[in-house]
Amino acid sequence: CVGAYVFLQDKGVVETLLARETILATGGLGQL
């Protein structure tokens, strides 16, 4: 993994964010 595509809601654009390390900390899935 080298980063993420990130959608900036206020600008309506997608940024390509590169990273040496990426951590997922997105929480749960209760809304399913």
Full PDB file with SEQRES, HELIX, SHEET, SSBOND, CRYST1, ORIGX, SCALE, CONECT and MASTER records, all heavy atoms in Angstrom:
SEQRES   1 A   32  CYS VAL GLY ALA TYR VAL PHE LEU GLN ASP LYS GLY VAL          
SEQRES   2 A   32  VAL GLU THR LEU LEU ALA ARG GLU THR ILE LEU ALA THR          
SEQRES   3 A   32  GLY GLY LEU GLY GLN LEU                                      
SHEET    1 AA1 2 GLY A   3  LEU A   8  0                                        
SHEET    2 AA1 2 VAL A  13  LEU A  18 -1                                        
CRYST1    1.000    1.000    1.000  90.00  90.00  90.00 P 1           1          
ORIGX1      1.000000  0.000000  0.000000        0.00000                         
ORIGX2      0.000000  1.000000  0.000000        0.00000                         
ORIGX3      0.000000  0.000000  1.000000        0.00000                         
SCALE1      1.000000  0.000000  0.000000        0.00000                         
SCALE2      0.000000  1.000000  0.000000        0.00000                         
SCALE3      0.000000  0.000000  1.000000        0.00000                         
ATOM      1  N   CYS A   1       0.856  -1.193   0.000  1.00  0.00           N  
ATOM      2  CA  CYS A   1       0.000   0.000   0.000  1.00  0.00           C  
ATOM      3  C   CYS A   1       0.889   1.238   0.000  1.00  0.00           C  
ATOM      4  O   CYS A   1       1.867   1.312   0.752  1.00  0.00           O  
ATOM      5  CB  CYS A   1      -0.905   0.001   1.221  1.00  0.00           C  
ATOM      6  SG  CYS A   1      -1.925   1.477   1.380  1.00  0.00           S  
ATOM      7  N   VAL A   2       0.544   2.220  -0.842  1.00  0.00           N  
ATOM      8  CA  VAL A   2       1.360   3.446  -0.916  1.00  0.00           C  
ATOM      9  C   VAL A   2       0.545   4.701  -0.631  1.00  0.00           C  
ATOM     10  O   VAL A   2       1.010   5.814  -0.860  1.00  0.00           O  
ATOM     11  CB  VAL A   2       2.057   3.566  -2.288  1.00  0.00           C  
ATOM     12  CG1 VAL A   2       3.085   2.456  -2.467  1.00  0.00           C  
ATOM     13  CG2 VAL A   2       1.038   3.567  -3.434  1.00  0.00           C  
ATOM     14  N   GLY A   3      -0.681   4.540  -0.098  1.00  0.00           N  
ATOM     15  CA  GLY A   3      -1.498   5.705   0.219  1.00  0.00           C  
ATOM     16  C   GLY A   3      -2.957   5.469  -0.095  1.00  0.00           C  
ATOM     17  O   GLY A   3      -3.453   4.339  -0.033  1.00  0.00           O  
ATOM     18  N   ALA A   4      -3.646   6.545  -0.478  1.00  0.00           N  
ATOM     19  CA  ALA A   4      -5.086   6.431  -0.742  1.00  0.00           C  
ATOM     20  C   ALA A   4      -5.553   7.538  -1.674  1.00  0.00           C  
ATOM     21  O   ALA A   4      -4.975   8.632  -1.711  1.00  0.00           O  
ATOM     22  CB  ALA A   4      -5.870   6.501   0.570  1.00  0.00           C  
ATOM     23  N   TYR A   5      -6.617   7.235  -2.423  1.00  0.00           N  
ATOM     24  CA  TYR A   5      -7.392   8.277  -3.090  1.00  0.00           C  
ATOM     25  C   TYR A   5      -8.346   8.851  -2.037  1.00  0.00           C  
ATOM     26  O   TYR A   5      -9.055   8.091  -1.361  1.00  0.00           O  
ATOM     27  CB  TYR A   5      -8.245   7.698  -4.220  1.00  0.00           C  
ATOM     28  CG  TYR A   5      -7.537   7.343  -5.496  1.00  0.00           C  
ATOM     29  CD1 TYR A   5      -7.762   6.105  -6.109  1.00  0.00           C  
ATOM     30  CD2 TYR A   5      -6.688   8.249  -6.138  1.00  0.00           C  
ATOM     31  CE1 TYR A   5      -7.148   5.763  -7.307  1.00  0.00           C  
ATOM     32  CE2 TYR A   5      -6.059   7.915  -7.340  1.00  0.00           C  
ATOM     33  CZ  TYR A   5      -6.292   6.676  -7.914  1.00  0.00           C  
ATOM     34  OH  TYR A   5      -5.685   6.346  -9.095  1.00  0.00           O  
ATOM     35  N   VAL A   6      -8.372  10.169  -1.909  1.00  0.00           N  
ATOM     36  CA  VAL A   6      -9.225  10.802  -0.911  1.00  0.00           C  
ATOM     37  C   VAL A   6     -10.083  11.879  -1.573  1.00  0.00           C  
ATOM     38  O   VAL A   6      -9.558  12.760  -2.265  1.00  0.00           O  
ATOM     39  CB  VAL A   6      -8.384  11.417   0.231  1.00  0.00           C  
ATOM     40  CG1 VAL A   6      -9.279  12.168   1.214  1.00  0.00           C  
ATOM     41  CG2 VAL A   6      -7.609  10.330   0.967  1.00  0.00           C  
ATOM     42  N   PHE A   7     -11.390  11.794  -1.362  1.00  0.00           N  
ATOM     43  CA  PHE A   7     -12.337  12.768  -1.917  1.00  0.00           C  
ATOM     44  C   PHE A   7     -12.514  13.914  -0.929  1.00  0.00           C  
ATOM     45  O   PHE A   7     -12.939  13.709   0.211  1.00  0.00           O  
ATOM     46  CB  PHE A   7     -13.682  12.085  -2.181  1.00  0.00           C  
ATOM     47  CG  PHE A   7     -14.768  13.020  -2.627  1.00  0.00           C  
ATOM     48  CD1 PHE A   7     -14.648  13.747  -3.810  1.00  0.00           C  
ATOM     49  CD2 PHE A   7     -15.922  13.172  -1.879  1.00  0.00           C  
ATOM     50  CE1 PHE A   7     -15.655  14.613  -4.228  1.00  0.00           C  
ATOM     51  CE2 PHE A   7     -16.934  14.029  -2.292  1.00  0.00           C  
ATOM     52  CZ  PHE A   7     -16.796  14.747  -3.467  1.00  0.00           C  
ATOM     53  N   LEU A   8     -12.165  15.137  -1.368  1.00  0.00           N  
ATOM     54  CA  LEU A   8     -12.353  16.342  -0.546  1.00  0.00           C  
ATOM     55  C   LEU A   8     -13.748  16.875  -0.834  1.00  0.00           C  
ATOM     56  O   LEU A   8     -14.010  17.451  -1.888  1.00  0.00           O  
ATOM     57  CB  LEU A   8     -11.284  17.379  -0.867  1.00  0.00           C  
ATOM     58  CG  LEU A   8      -9.829  16.906  -0.764  1.00  0.00           C  
ATOM     59  CD1 LEU A   8      -8.862  18.043  -1.070  1.00  0.00           C  
ATOM     60  CD2 LEU A   8      -9.540  16.322   0.619  1.00  0.00           C  
ATOM     61  N   GLN A   9     -14.641  16.673   0.118  1.00  0.00           N  
ATOM     62  CA  GLN A   9     -16.059  16.958  -0.108  1.00  0.00           C  
ATOM     63  C   GLN A   9     -16.330  18.423  -0.443  1.00  0.00           C  
ATOM     64  O   GLN A   9     -17.137  18.733  -1.325  1.00  0.00           O  
ATOM     65  CB  GLN A   9     -16.874  16.544   1.128  1.00  0.00           C  
ATOM     66  CG  GLN A   9     -16.811  15.070   1.447  1.00  0.00           C  
ATOM     67  CD  GLN A   9     -17.395  14.757   2.805  1.00  0.00           C  
ATOM     68  OE1 GLN A   9     -18.203  15.506   3.339  1.00  0.00           O  
ATOM     69  NE2 GLN A   9     -16.973  13.641   3.393  1.00  0.00           N  
ATOM     70  N   ASP A  10     -15.662  19.342   0.263  1.00  0.00           N  
ATOM     71  CA  ASP A  10     -15.941  20.770   0.061  1.00  0.00           C  
ATOM     72  C   ASP A  10     -15.503  21.255  -1.314  1.00  0.00           C  
ATOM     73  O   ASP A  10     -16.128  22.143  -1.897  1.00  0.00           O  
ATOM     74  CB  ASP A  10     -15.251  21.603   1.151  1.00  0.00           C  
ATOM     75  CG  ASP A  10     -15.763  21.265   2.546  1.00  0.00           C  
ATOM     76  OD1 ASP A  10     -16.894  20.736   2.636  1.00  0.00           O  
ATOM     77  OD2 ASP A  10     -15.043  21.504   3.530  1.00  0.00           O  
ATOM     78  N   LYS A  11     -14.429  20.674  -1.844  1.00  0.00           N  
ATOM     79  CA  LYS A  11     -13.909  21.098  -3.148  1.00  0.00           C  
ATOM     80  C   LYS A  11     -14.424  20.238  -4.299  1.00  0.00           C  
ATOM     81  O   LYS A  11     -14.333  20.621  -5.464  1.00  0.00           O  
ATOM     82  CB  LYS A  11     -12.373  21.045  -3.139  1.00  0.00           C  
ATOM     83  CG  LYS A  11     -11.719  21.997  -2.146  1.00  0.00           C  
ATOM     84  CD  LYS A  11     -10.205  21.851  -2.189  1.00  0.00           C  
ATOM     85  CE  LYS A  11      -9.526  22.789  -1.197  1.00  0.00           C  
ATOM     86  NZ  LYS A  11      -8.047  22.611  -1.198  1.00  0.00           N  
ATOM     87  N   GLY A  12     -14.931  19.039  -3.975  1.00  0.00           N  
ATOM     88  CA  GLY A  12     -15.417  18.142  -5.014  1.00  0.00           C  
ATOM     89  C   GLY A  12     -14.312  17.539  -5.853  1.00  0.00           C  
ATOM     90  O   GLY A  12     -14.531  17.177  -7.010  1.00  0.00           O  
ATOM     91  N   VAL A  13     -13.116  17.415  -5.284  1.00  0.00           N  
ATOM     92  CA  VAL A  13     -11.978  16.870  -6.030  1.00  0.00           C  
ATOM     93  C   VAL A  13     -11.385  15.675  -5.288  1.00  0.00           C  
ATOM     94  O   VAL A  13     -11.579  15.510  -4.082  1.00  0.00           O  
ATOM     95  CB  VAL A  13     -10.879  17.936  -6.258  1.00  0.00           C  
ATOM     96  CG1 VAL A  13     -11.428  19.105  -7.069  1.00  0.00           C  
ATOM     97  CG2 VAL A  13     -10.295  18.418  -4.928  1.00  0.00           C  
ATOM     98  N   VAL A  14     -10.638  14.847  -6.040  1.00  0.00           N  
ATOM     99  CA  VAL A  14      -9.974  13.680  -5.462  1.00  0.00           C  
ATOM    100  C   VAL A  14      -8.475  13.956  -5.392  1.00  0.00           C  
ATOM    101  O   VAL A  14      -7.862  14.338  -6.398  1.00  0.00           O  
ATOM    102  CB  VAL A  14     -10.235  12.420  -6.299  1.00  0.00           C  
ATOM    103  CG1 VAL A  14      -9.433  11.229  -5.761  1.00  0.00           C  
ATOM    104  CG2 VAL A  14     -11.727  12.092  -6.305  1.00  0.00           C  
ATOM    105  N   GLU A  15      -7.900  13.779  -4.217  1.00  0.00           N  
ATOM    106  CA  GLU A  15      -6.460  13.946  -4.031  1.00  0.00           C  
ATOM    107  C   GLU A  15      -5.811  12.568  -3.954  1.00  0.00           C  
ATOM    108  O   GLU A  15      -6.365  11.642  -3.340  1.00  0.00           O  
ATOM    109  CB  GLU A  15      -6.162  14.722  -2.744  1.00  0.00           C  
ATOM    110  CG  GLU A  15      -6.559  16.169  -2.810  1.00  0.00           C  
ATOM    111  CD  GLU A  15      -5.382  17.103  -2.548  1.00  0.00           C  
ATOM    112  OE1 GLU A  15      -4.335  16.627  -2.092  1.00  0.00           O  
ATOM    113  OE2 GLU A  15      -5.546  18.308  -2.805  1.00  0.00           O  
ATOM    114  N   THR A  16      -4.635  12.447  -4.556  1.00  0.00           N  
ATOM    115  CA  THR A  16      -3.836  11.237  -4.423  1.00  0.00           C  
ATOM    116  C   THR A  16      -2.842  11.475  -3.297  1.00  0.00           C  
ATOM    117  O   THR A  16      -1.899  12.248  -3.453  1.00  0.00           O  
ATOM    118  CB  THR A  16      -3.094  10.933  -5.740  1.00  0.00           C  
ATOM    119  OG1 THR A  16      -4.051  10.769  -6.777  1.00  0.00           O  
ATOM    120  CG2 THR A  16      -2.259   9.663  -5.610  1.00  0.00           C  
ATOM    121  N   LEU A  17      -3.097  10.862  -2.145  1.00  0.00           N  
ATOM    122  CA  LEU A  17      -2.238  11.066  -0.976  1.00  0.00           C  
ATOM    123  C   LEU A  17      -1.296   9.869  -0.834  1.00  0.00           C  
ATOM    124  O   LEU A  17      -1.749   8.750  -0.575  1.00  0.00           O  
ATOM    125  CB  LEU A  17      -3.072  11.235   0.293  1.00  0.00           C  
ATOM    126  CG  LEU A  17      -4.011  12.451   0.330  1.00  0.00           C  
ATOM    127  CD1 LEU A  17      -4.716  12.537   1.677  1.00  0.00           C  
ATOM    128  CD2 LEU A  17      -3.250  13.739   0.059  1.00  0.00           C  
ATOM    129  N   LEU A  18      -0.002  10.116  -1.016  1.00  0.00           N  
ATOM    130  CA  LEU A  18       0.994   9.046  -0.892  1.00  0.00           C  
ATOM    131  C   LEU A  18       1.535   9.004   0.531  1.00  0.00           C  
ATOM    132  O   LEU A  18       1.625  10.038   1.205  1.00  0.00           O  
ATOM    133  CB  LEU A  18       2.131   9.275  -1.887  1.00  0.00           C  
ATOM    134  CG  LEU A  18       1.717   9.296  -3.363  1.00  0.00           C  
ATOM    135  CD1 LEU A  18       2.917   9.585  -4.249  1.00  0.00           C  
ATOM    136  CD2 LEU A  18       1.061   7.982  -3.765  1.00  0.00           C  
ATOM    137  N   ALA A  19       1.899   7.810   0.982  1.00  0.00           N  
ATOM    138  CA  ALA A  19       2.359   7.659   2.365  1.00  0.00           C  
ATOM    139  C   ALA A  19       3.334   6.502   2.495  1.00  0.00           C  
ATOM    140  O   ALA A  19       3.175   5.474   1.832  1.00  0.00           O  
ATOM    141  CB  ALA A  19       1.157   7.408   3.288  1.00  0.00           C  
ATOM    142  N   ARG A  20       4.322   6.698   3.355  1.00  0.00           N  
ATOM    143  CA  ARG A  20       5.237   5.589   3.666  1.00  0.00           C  
ATOM    144  C   ARG A  20       4.494   4.487   4.409  1.00  0.00           C  
ATOM    145  O   ARG A  20       4.780   3.312   4.235  1.00  0.00           O  
ATOM    146  CB  ARG A  20       6.408   6.109   4.492  1.00  0.00           C  
ATOM    147  CG  ARG A  20       7.304   7.076   3.729  1.00  0.00           C  
ATOM    148  CD  ARG A  20       8.405   7.643   4.632  1.00  0.00           C  
ATOM    149  NE  ARG A  20       9.213   8.597   3.886  1.00  0.00           N  
ATOM    150  CZ  ARG A  20       8.901   9.884   3.750  1.00  0.00           C  
ATOM    151  NH1 ARG A  20       7.805  10.364   4.324  1.00  0.00           N  
ATOM    152  NH2 ARG A  20       9.674  10.691   3.043  1.00  0.00           N  
ATOM    153  N   GLU A  21       3.573   4.893   5.279  1.00  0.00           N  
ATOM    154  CA  GLU A  21       2.740   3.943   6.016  1.00  0.00           C  
ATOM    155  C   GLU A  21       1.309   4.483   6.049  1.00  0.00           C  
ATOM    156  O   GLU A  21       1.105   5.696   6.172  1.00  0.00           O  
ATOM    157  CB  GLU A  21       3.229   3.751   7.455  1.00  0.00           C  
ATOM    158  CG  GLU A  21       4.543   3.003   7.577  1.00  0.00           C  
ATOM    159  CD  GLU A  21       4.358   1.491   7.609  1.00  0.00           C  
ATOM    160  OE1 GLU A  21       3.210   1.022   7.677  1.00  0.00           O  
ATOM    161  OE2 GLU A  21       5.391   0.779   7.585  1.00  0.00           O  
ATOM    162  N   THR A  22       0.347   3.602   5.934  1.00  0.00           N  
ATOM    163  CA  THR A  22      -1.068   3.974   6.000  1.00  0.00           C  
ATOM    164  C   THR A  22      -1.727   3.163   7.102  1.00  0.00           C  
ATOM    165  O   THR A  22      -1.509   1.953   7.203  1.00  0.00           O  
ATOM    166  CB  THR A  22      -1.767   3.694   4.656  1.00  0.00           C  
ATOM    167  OG1 THR A  22      -1.121   4.442   3.626  1.00  0.00           O  
ATOM    168  CG2 THR A  22      -3.241   4.079   4.706  1.00  0.00           C  
ATOM    169  N   ILE A  23      -2.531   3.836   7.938  1.00  0.00           N  
ATOM    170  CA  ILE A  23      -3.266   3.138   8.996  1.00  0.00           C  
ATOM    171  C   ILE A  23      -4.758   3.304   8.755  1.00  0.00           C  
ATOM    172  O   ILE A  23      -5.258   4.417   8.628  1.00  0.00           O  
ATOM    173  CB  ILE A  23      -2.928   3.689  10.405  1.00  0.00           C  
ATOM    174  CG1 ILE A  23      -1.436   3.582  10.687  1.00  0.00           C  
ATOM    175  CG2 ILE A  23      -3.736   2.938  11.464  1.00  0.00           C  
ATOM    176  CD1 ILE A  23      -1.046   4.090  12.068  1.00  0.00           C  
ATOM    177  N   LEU A  24      -5.456   2.183   8.684  1.00  0.00           N  
ATOM    178  CA  LEU A  24      -6.910   2.207   8.668  1.00  0.00           C  
ATOM    179  C   LEU A  24      -7.396   2.312  10.106  1.00  0.00           C  
ATOM    180  O   LEU A  24      -7.051   1.478  10.943  1.00  0.00           O  
ATOM    181  CB  LEU A  24      -7.467   0.928   8.044  1.00  0.00           C  
ATOM    182  CG  LEU A  24      -7.468   0.814   6.524  1.00  0.00           C  
ATOM    183  CD1 LEU A  24      -7.858  -0.605   6.121  1.00  0.00           C  
ATOM    184  CD2 LEU A  24      -8.403   1.814   5.897  1.00  0.00           C  
ATOM    185  N   ALA A  25      -8.200   3.331  10.389  1.00  0.00           N  
ATOM    186  CA  ALA A  25      -8.808   3.472  11.721  1.00  0.00           C  
ATOM    187  C   ALA A  25     -10.241   3.958  11.526  1.00  0.00           C  
ATOM    188  O   ALA A  25     -10.665   4.963  12.098  1.00  0.00           O  
ATOM    189  CB  ALA A  25      -7.998   4.439  12.575  1.00  0.00           C  
ATOM    190  N   THR A  26     -10.976   3.236  10.690  1.00  0.00           N  
ATOM    191  CA  THR A  26     -12.277   3.692  10.209  1.00  0.00           C  
ATOM    192  C   THR A  26     -13.461   3.225  11.058  1.00  0.00           C  
ATOM    193  O   THR A  26     -14.608   3.506  10.719  1.00  0.00           O  
ATOM    194  CB  THR A  26     -12.498   3.201   8.763  1.00  0.00           C  
ATOM    195  OG1 THR A  26     -12.283   1.789   8.726  1.00  0.00           O  
ATOM    196  CG2 THR A  26     -11.532   3.864   7.801  1.00  0.00           C  
ATOM    197  N   GLY A  27     -13.199   2.500  12.137  1.00  0.00           N  
ATOM    198  CA  GLY A  27     -14.283   2.078  13.012  1.00  0.00           C  
ATOM    199  C   GLY A  27     -15.059   0.884  12.497  1.00  0.00           C  
ATOM    200  O   GLY A  27     -14.535   0.061  11.741  1.00  0.00           O  
ATOM    201  N   GLY A  28     -16.329   0.817  12.865  1.00  0.00           N  
ATOM    202  CA  GLY A  28     -17.104  -0.399  12.674  1.00  0.00           C  
ATOM    203  C   GLY A  28     -18.000  -0.410  11.453  1.00  0.00           C  
ATOM    204  O   GLY A  28     -17.832   0.372  10.515  1.00  0.00           O  
ATOM    205  N   LEU A  29     -19.016  -1.290  11.499  1.00  0.00           N  
ATOM    206  CA  LEU A  29     -19.898  -1.497  10.359  1.00  0.00           C  
ATOM    207  C   LEU A  29     -21.357  -1.648  10.768  1.00  0.00           C  
ATOM    208  O   LEU A  29     -22.170  -2.233  10.051  1.00  0.00           O  
ATOM    209  CB  LEU A  29     -19.432  -2.727   9.556  1.00  0.00           C  
ATOM    210  CG  LEU A  29     -19.009  -3.998  10.303  1.00  0.00           C  
ATOM    211  CD1 LEU A  29     -20.187  -4.737  10.906  1.00  0.00           C  
ATOM    212  CD2 LEU A  29     -18.238  -4.914   9.376  1.00  0.00           C  
ATOM    213  N   GLY A  30     -21.711  -1.080  11.912  1.00  0.00           N  
ATOM    214  CA  GLY A  30     -23.071  -1.227  12.438  1.00  0.00           C  
ATOM    215  C   GLY A  30     -24.156  -0.719  11.516  1.00  0.00           C  
ATOM    216  O   GLY A  30     -25.294  -1.197  11.556  1.00  0.00           O  
ATOM    217  N   GLN A  31     -23.827   0.272  10.659  1.00  0.00           N  
ATOM    218  CA  GLN A  31     -24.841   0.838   9.778  1.00  0.00           C  
ATOM    219  C   GLN A  31     -25.290  -0.130   8.686  1.00  0.00           C  
ATOM    220  O   GLN A  31     -26.226   0.173   7.942  1.00  0.00           O  
ATOM    221  CB  GLN A  31     -24.323   2.137   9.149  1.00  0.00           C  
ATOM    222  CG  GLN A  31     -24.229   3.306  10.113  1.00  0.00           C  
ATOM    223  CD  GLN A  31     -25.578   3.740  10.664  1.00  0.00           C  
ATOM    224  OE1 GLN A  31     -26.613   3.536  10.047  1.00  0.00           O  
ATOM    225  NE2 GLN A  31     -25.568   4.343  11.842  1.00  0.00           N  
ATOM    226  N   LEU A  32     -24.648  -1.290   8.593  1.00  0.00           N  
ATOM    227  CA  LEU A  32     -25.122  -2.310   7.656  1.00  0.00           C  
ATOM    228  C   LEU A  32     -26.412  -2.955   8.146  1.00  0.00           C  
ATOM    229  O   LEU A  32     -27.078  -3.663   7.393  1.00  0.00           O  
ATOM    230  CB  LEU A  32     -24.065  -3.409   7.481  1.00  0.00           C  
ATOM    231  CG  LEU A  32     -22.672  -2.989   7.007  1.00  0.00           C  
ATOM    232  CD1 LEU A  32     -21.792  -4.219   6.842  1.00  0.00           C  
ATOM    233  CD2 LEU A  32     -22.747  -2.195   5.713  1.00  0.00           C  
TER     234      LEU A  32                                                      
MASTER        0    0    0    0    2    0    0    6  233    1    0    3          
END                                                                             
